Amino acid sequence: MKHLLNKRSAVSDQRTLREASYSGQLYDMILTVLRRSRIQSSMFHHGLAIFVGSCIVSYALAGGATDPDLTVATPTVAPYKIQGKTAAELRSQMNQLGPLNQDEGKRFDASTTWDLDAQFTAGGKKGASCKIKTVTVTVKTTFNLPEWTPPTGTPQALIDRWKKHLAALQTHEDGHKQLGIDAGNDLLAQLKALPAAPSCDAINKIAAQKRDAVKASFKQKHKAYDASTKHGANQGAVFP
């Protein structure tokens, strides 16, 4: 039996893996420690290679591992067009046309919408038990960002300031995207851990409850993220 769970939630952390930098720092640190210990040359290089290698592998697994059953779709952009020749006019347009945050009753310069699609197959002894056999979760993200085409004669300083603002907005919204991915991982882990239920209908109901619980939990995390960043202001998203 195949099931589908869909969830859409509107909201207004980027993860960067720097393995090369980390590995280089780790190598230098271990090198210093071993030299101070006066380990003989032959043992020194052999042991160092093994130890550093194992540390790098462990780091990569911890920092970059992704469940193959989680798919992160390429984000889409749903722009809203604004017009203006001055910073003040652009500011006014975003105040009027920017996406509305329903929880706060205010408009902001950008927002992020994310979806969790969970699909699973379940089966077992008819009339006795049912258990999830396979499950996948897909995370879909849409960015709602302002779009401005500078009119002829627009000062380069204003264009540069606008580009800087857009980049800061994207940085903030990428944080919301990452929270969506975290939510997908959370839901996937919980669905995989579900024990057998009396029936497949019961499994479907429990899965829906898990989805709603993840939604509620991450809604609070999105709010906390907005509060801690002041909706991106602390990340440079301030215009003009």
Protein backbone atom coordinates (compact mmCIF):
# COMPACT_ATOMS: atom_id res chain seq x y z
CA MET A 1 0.00 0.00 0.00
CA LYS A 2 1.40 3.40 -1.00
CA HIS A 3 0.69 6.54 0.97
CA LEU A 4 1.36 10.24 0.45
CA LEU A 5 1.61 12.96 3.07
CA ASN A 6 1.82 16.58 1.95
CA LYS A 7 2.52 19.62 4.09
CA ARG A 8 2.83 23.25 3.08
CA SER A 9 3.91 25.94 5.54
CA ALA A 10 4.66 29.63 4.80
CA VAL A 11 7.57 31.25 6.66
CA SER A 12 9.59 34.38 6.13
CA ASP A 13 21.01 28.45 8.27
CA GLN A 14 23.11 27.96 5.80
CA ARG A 15 25.40 24.94 6.18
CA THR A 16 28.84 25.15 4.58
CA LEU A 17 31.18 22.18 4.69
CA ARG A 18 34.83 23.25 4.68
CA GLU A 19 36.47 19.85 4.89
CA ALA A 20 39.72 20.94 3.26
CA SER A 21 40.25 23.80 5.69
CA TYR A 22 39.26 21.69 8.65
CA SER A 23 41.53 18.84 7.57
CA GLY A 24 44.49 21.18 7.11
CA GLN A 25 44.03 22.68 10.56
CA LEU A 26 43.64 19.24 12.08
CA TYR A 27 46.81 17.99 10.34
CA ASP A 28 48.85 20.93 11.64
CA MET A 29 47.53 20.50 15.16
CA ILE A 30 48.32 16.77 15.27
CA LEU A 31 51.70 17.37 13.69
CA THR A 32 52.65 19.80 16.47
CA VAL A 33 51.50 17.44 19.22
CA LEU A 34 53.37 14.44 17.81
CA ARG A 35 56.57 16.41 17.27
CA ARG A 36 56.49 17.59 20.86
CA SER A 37 56.16 13.98 21.91
CA ARG A 38 59.45 13.23 20.03
CA ILE A 39 58.00 10.26 18.19
CA GLN A 40 60.59 8.64 15.93
CA SER A 41 60.36 9.46 12.25
CA SER A 42 59.16 6.10 10.90
CA MET A 43 56.43 5.76 13.50
CA PHE A 44 55.60 9.44 13.25
CA HIS A 45 54.62 9.56 9.59
CA HIS A 46 52.86 6.19 9.55
CA GLY A 47 50.80 6.87 12.65
CA LEU A 48 50.03 10.42 11.56
CA ALA A 49 48.67 9.32 8.20
CA ILE A 50 46.38 6.72 9.77
CA PHE A 51 45.17 9.02 12.54
CA VAL A 52 44.52 12.04 10.33
CA GLY A 53 42.84 9.86 7.72
CA SER A 54 40.45 8.38 10.25
CA CYS A 55 39.65 11.80 11.67
CA ILE A 56 38.88 13.22 8.23
CA VAL A 57 36.59 10.33 7.38
CA SER A 58 34.76 10.67 10.68
CA TYR A 59 34.38 14.40 10.14
CA ALA A 60 33.00 13.94 6.65
CA LEU A 61 30.48 11.36 7.81
CA ALA A 62 29.29 13.51 10.70
CA GLY A 63 29.16 16.81 8.81
CA GLY A 64 28.07 15.82 5.32
CA ALA A 65 26.08 12.61 5.62
CA THR A 66 22.59 12.80 4.14
CA ASP A 67 19.90 10.16 4.28
CA PRO A 68 19.48 8.88 0.70
CA ASP A 69 15.75 8.72 1.30
CA LEU A 70 15.60 12.51 1.70
CA THR A 71 15.37 14.54 -1.50
CA VAL A 72 15.91 18.30 -1.50
CA ALA A 73 14.34 19.75 -4.62
CA THR A 74 15.94 22.72 -6.36
CA PRO A 75 14.35 25.86 -4.87
CA THR A 76 12.04 27.93 -7.04
CA VAL A 77 11.64 31.70 -6.93
CA ALA A 78 8.29 33.47 -6.94
CA PRO A 79 9.22 37.15 -7.37
CA TYR A 80 7.02 40.15 -6.79
CA LYS A 81 7.81 43.11 -9.01
CA ILE A 82 8.54 46.56 -7.65
CA GLN A 83 9.29 49.85 -9.37
CA GLY A 84 11.12 53.02 -8.44
CA LYS A 85 13.98 55.36 -9.22
CA THR A 86 15.10 56.08 -5.66
CA ALA A 87 15.84 54.11 -2.52
CA ALA A 88 12.81 55.67 -0.86
CA GLU A 89 10.51 54.55 -3.67
CA LEU A 90 11.86 51.00 -3.54
CA ARG A 91 11.41 50.94 0.21
CA SER A 92 7.82 52.08 -0.14
CA GLN A 93 7.08 49.44 -2.79
CA MET A 94 8.40 46.61 -0.60
CA ASN A 95 6.38 47.90 2.34
CA GLN A 96 3.24 47.75 0.20
CA LEU A 97 3.84 44.60 -1.85
CA GLY A 98 6.13 42.42 0.25
CA PRO A 99 4.84 39.02 1.48
CA LEU A 100 2.52 39.16 4.47
CA ASN A 101 3.52 37.26 7.60
CA GLN A 102 0.17 35.99 8.87
CA ASP A 103 1.43 35.35 12.40
CA GLU A 104 2.76 38.88 12.87
CA GLY A 105 0.34 40.70 10.59
CA LYS A 106 3.22 42.53 8.92
CA ARG A 107 4.81 42.60 5.49
CA PHE A 108 8.46 41.80 5.02
CA ASP A 109 10.84 42.10 2.08
CA ALA A 110 10.98 38.33 1.47
CA SER A 111 9.64 35.01 2.68
CA THR A 112 10.12 31.27 2.21
CA THR A 113 7.51 28.60 1.62
CA TRP A 114 8.45 24.97 2.18
CA ASP A 115 6.72 21.65 1.56
CA LEU A 116 7.27 18.18 2.96
CA ASP A 117 6.07 15.32 0.76
CA ALA A 118 6.29 11.94 2.46
CA GLN A 119 5.61 8.78 0.50
CA PHE A 120 5.74 5.31 1.95
CA THR A 121 4.74 1.73 1.32
CA ALA A 122 3.35 -0.38 4.13
CA GLY A 123 2.17 -3.90 4.57
CA GLY A 124 2.04 -6.93 6.86
CA LYS A 125 -0.32 -9.64 7.98
CA LYS A 126 -3.80 -8.82 6.76
CA GLY A 127 -6.05 -7.93 9.64
CA ALA A 128 -3.24 -8.40 12.13
CA SER A 129 -0.48 -5.80 11.67
CA CYS A 130 0.98 -3.26 9.26
CA LYS A 131 4.46 -1.72 9.14
CA ILE A 132 6.17 0.84 6.93
CA LYS A 133 8.49 -0.92 4.49
CA THR A 134 9.93 1.97 2.47
CA VAL A 135 9.68 5.70 2.94
CA THR A 136 10.97 8.82 1.19
CA VAL A 137 10.60 12.49 2.05
CA THR A 138 10.99 15.36 -0.41
CA VAL A 139 11.64 18.95 0.70
CA LYS A 140 10.42 21.66 -1.65
CA THR A 141 11.26 25.33 -1.18
CA THR A 142 9.99 28.51 -2.80
CA PHE A 143 11.56 31.92 -2.20
CA ASN A 144 9.35 35.00 -2.46
CA LEU A 145 11.75 37.85 -3.27
CA PRO A 146 11.45 41.37 -4.69
CA GLU A 147 12.36 41.90 -8.34
CA TRP A 148 13.46 45.32 -9.59
CA THR A 149 14.65 46.37 -13.03
CA PRO A 150 16.61 49.61 -12.70
CA PRO A 151 15.30 52.33 -15.04
CA THR A 152 17.67 54.00 -17.46
CA GLY A 153 19.85 56.51 -15.67
CA THR A 154 19.66 54.84 -12.25
CA PRO A 155 22.78 55.71 -10.22
CA GLN A 156 25.22 52.80 -9.95
CA ALA A 157 25.39 53.36 -6.19
CA LEU A 158 21.69 52.53 -5.88
CA ILE A 159 22.05 49.44 -8.07
CA ASP A 160 24.96 48.22 -5.96
CA ARG A 161 23.03 48.86 -2.74
CA TRP A 162 20.09 46.91 -4.13
CA LYS A 163 22.27 43.93 -5.04
CA LYS A 164 23.71 43.92 -1.54
CA HIS A 165 20.22 43.91 -0.05
CA LEU A 166 19.09 41.04 -2.27
CA ALA A 167 22.14 38.99 -1.27
CA ALA A 168 21.41 39.58 2.42
CA LEU A 169 17.76 38.62 1.92
CA GLN A 170 18.85 35.40 0.21
CA THR A 171 21.19 34.61 3.09
CA HIS A 172 18.32 34.94 5.53
CA GLU A 173 15.88 32.91 3.46
CA ASP A 174 18.48 30.18 2.99
CA GLY A 175 18.33 29.79 6.76
CA HIS A 176 14.61 29.07 6.49
CA LYS A 177 15.34 26.61 3.69
CA GLN A 178 17.77 24.76 5.94
CA LEU A 179 15.15 24.54 8.67
CA GLY A 180 12.85 22.96 6.10
CA ILE A 181 15.54 20.39 5.33
CA ASP A 182 15.99 19.74 9.05
CA ALA A 183 12.25 19.20 9.31
CA GLY A 184 12.41 16.71 6.44
CA ASN A 185 15.18 14.77 8.14
CA ASP A 186 13.24 14.77 11.40
CA LEU A 187 10.05 13.48 9.79
CA LEU A 188 11.94 10.83 7.80
CA ALA A 189 13.67 9.50 10.93
CA GLN A 190 10.41 9.33 12.84
CA LEU A 191 8.57 7.52 10.05
CA LYS A 192 11.39 4.99 9.70
CA ALA A 193 11.27 4.32 13.44
CA LEU A 194 7.51 3.66 13.56
CA PRO A 195 6.68 0.22 14.98
CA ALA A 196 4.04 -2.02 13.46
CA ALA A 197 0.43 -0.92 13.93
CA PRO A 198 -2.78 -2.99 14.00
CA SER A 199 -3.64 -1.89 10.45
CA CYS A 200 -2.33 0.18 7.54
CA ASP A 201 -5.06 2.73 8.19
CA ALA A 202 -3.65 3.11 11.67
CA ILE A 203 -0.13 3.54 10.24
CA ASN A 204 -1.39 6.27 7.93
CA LYS A 205 -3.06 8.06 10.81
CA ILE A 206 0.05 7.85 13.00
CA ALA A 207 2.23 9.10 10.13
CA ALA A 208 -0.05 12.12 9.69
CA GLN A 209 0.21 12.84 13.40
CA LYS A 210 4.00 12.67 13.20
CA ARG A 211 3.94 15.09 10.27
CA ASP A 212 1.76 17.56 12.16
CA ALA A 213 4.01 17.33 15.22
CA VAL A 214 7.08 18.09 13.09
CA LYS A 215 5.22 21.02 11.56
CA ALA A 216 4.34 22.47 14.95
CA SER A 217 7.87 22.01 16.27
CA PHE A 218 9.55 23.63 13.28
CA LYS A 219 7.07 26.48 13.13
CA GLN A 220 8.46 27.53 16.48
CA LYS A 221 12.03 27.13 15.19
CA HIS A 222 11.28 29.39 12.23
CA LYS A 223 9.85 31.99 14.61
CA ALA A 224 12.92 31.72 16.84
CA TYR A 225 15.19 32.12 13.80
CA ASP A 226 13.34 35.26 12.71
CA ALA A 227 13.49 36.64 16.24
CA SER A 228 17.21 35.96 16.63
CA THR A 229 18.04 37.54 13.26
CA LYS A 230 15.38 40.25 13.44
CA HIS A 231 13.98 38.91 10.16
CA GLY A 232 17.40 39.17 8.53
CA ALA A 233 18.35 42.64 9.76
CA ASN A 234 21.22 41.17 11.77
CA GLN A 235 22.38 39.49 8.56
CA GLY A 236 22.51 42.75 6.64
CA ALA A 237 19.01 42.70 5.15
CA VAL A 238 18.27 46.37 5.76
CA PHE A 239 17.24 48.78 2.99
CA PRO A 240 18.15 51.49 2.36
